[in-house]
Amino acid sequence: MAVNRYQIGVDVGGTFTDLVCGDNEGSIHFEKTVTNRKDQAQGVLRGLSKLANRAGHDLAKFLDSVICAVMVRLLEEQGVHHRM
């Protein structure tokens, strides 16, 4: 049985948190959740839970299969710059 691996990208914005997930079979899924400015992790976790559900896993099993770090816009606000 092949093991699924996932790559996830996250953009935490002022209003919405956008997530994209790609797997080793070539499928790509998108999610959008509302950003909680006081606790930005809430929107990220809601989106990750939705992506996990689409993949047929609970959140813990899904995150165990993630091979790419999550980028959060907050890093940019603290002076970290990146290019894609």
Protein backbone atom coordinates (compact mmCIF):
# COMPACT_ATOMS: atom_id res chain seq x y z
CA MET A 1 0.00 0.00 0.00
CA ALA A 2 1.42 3.38 -1.03
CA VAL A 3 1.85 6.02 1.65
CA ASN A 4 0.33 9.40 0.84
CA ARG A 5 2.51 12.44 1.41
CA TYR A 6 1.16 15.97 1.44
CA GLN A 7 2.62 19.41 0.85
CA ILE A 8 0.77 22.31 2.39
CA GLY A 9 0.95 26.06 1.88
CA VAL A 10 -0.79 28.55 4.16
CA ASP A 11 -1.37 32.30 3.82
CA VAL A 12 -2.82 33.96 6.92
CA GLY A 13 -4.40 37.22 5.85
CA GLY A 14 -6.26 39.88 7.78
CA THR A 15 -9.68 38.49 6.82
CA PHE A 16 -9.15 34.98 5.46
CA THR A 17 -6.66 32.16 5.85
CA ASP A 18 -6.00 30.35 2.57
CA LEU A 19 -4.60 26.83 2.41
CA VAL A 20 -3.48 24.70 -0.51
CA CYS A 21 -2.61 21.01 -0.31
CA GLY A 22 -0.97 18.80 -2.90
CA ASP A 23 -0.41 15.06 -2.61
CA ASN A 24 2.00 12.61 -4.21
CA GLU A 25 -0.75 11.50 -6.62
CA GLY A 26 -1.04 14.98 -8.14
CA SER A 27 -4.30 16.08 -6.49
CA ILE A 28 -4.55 19.68 -5.32
CA HIS A 29 -7.14 21.00 -2.86
CA PHE A 30 -7.87 24.51 -1.60
CA GLU A 31 -9.54 25.74 1.59
CA LYS A 32 -10.44 29.20 2.86
CA THR A 33 -11.30 29.91 6.48
CA VAL A 34 -11.94 33.07 8.47
CA THR A 35 -8.87 34.53 10.21
CA ASN A 36 -9.10 35.18 13.92
CA ARG A 37 -6.73 38.11 14.42
CA LYS A 38 -6.29 37.36 18.13
CA ASP A 39 -5.47 33.68 17.51
CA GLN A 40 -4.39 33.06 13.92
CA ALA A 41 -3.81 29.36 14.64
CA GLN A 42 -7.59 28.83 14.82
CA GLY A 43 -8.07 29.53 11.11
CA VAL A 44 -5.06 27.41 10.19
CA LEU A 45 -6.28 24.46 12.27
CA ARG A 46 -9.83 24.75 10.85
CA GLY A 47 -8.45 24.66 7.31
CA LEU A 48 -6.09 21.78 8.06
CA SER A 49 -8.99 19.82 9.57
CA LYS A 50 -11.03 20.35 6.40
CA LEU A 51 -8.11 19.23 4.22
CA ALA A 52 -7.58 16.16 6.43
CA ASN A 53 -11.24 15.28 6.11
CA ARG A 54 -11.00 15.47 2.31
CA ALA A 55 -8.02 13.13 2.44
CA GLY A 56 -9.97 10.67 4.60
CA HIS A 57 -7.79 11.11 7.70
CA ASP A 58 -8.15 12.61 11.13
CA LEU A 59 -6.00 15.69 11.69
CA ALA A 60 -3.21 13.88 13.58
CA LYS A 61 -2.80 11.22 10.87
CA PHE A 62 -2.90 13.88 8.16
CA LEU A 63 -0.24 16.05 9.81
CA ASP A 64 1.95 12.97 10.25
CA SER A 65 2.00 12.77 6.44
CA VAL A 66 2.88 16.43 5.82
CA ILE A 67 6.39 16.87 4.41
CA CYS A 68 6.48 20.63 3.90
CA ALA A 69 6.62 23.40 6.48
CA VAL A 70 3.75 25.82 6.80
CA MET A 71 4.50 29.44 5.85
CA VAL A 72 2.53 32.07 7.68
CA ARG A 73 2.27 35.70 6.66
CA LEU A 74 3.10 36.69 10.22
CA LEU A 75 6.74 35.84 9.42
CA GLU A 76 6.72 38.49 6.73
CA GLU A 77 5.49 41.07 9.23
CA GLN A 78 8.46 40.23 11.44
CA GLY A 79 10.95 40.91 8.66
CA VAL A 80 11.33 37.47 7.07
CA HIS A 81 11.19 37.68 3.28
CA HIS A 82 10.67 34.78 0.88
CA ARG A 83 10.24 34.24 -2.83
CA MET A 84 8.25 31.54 -4.53
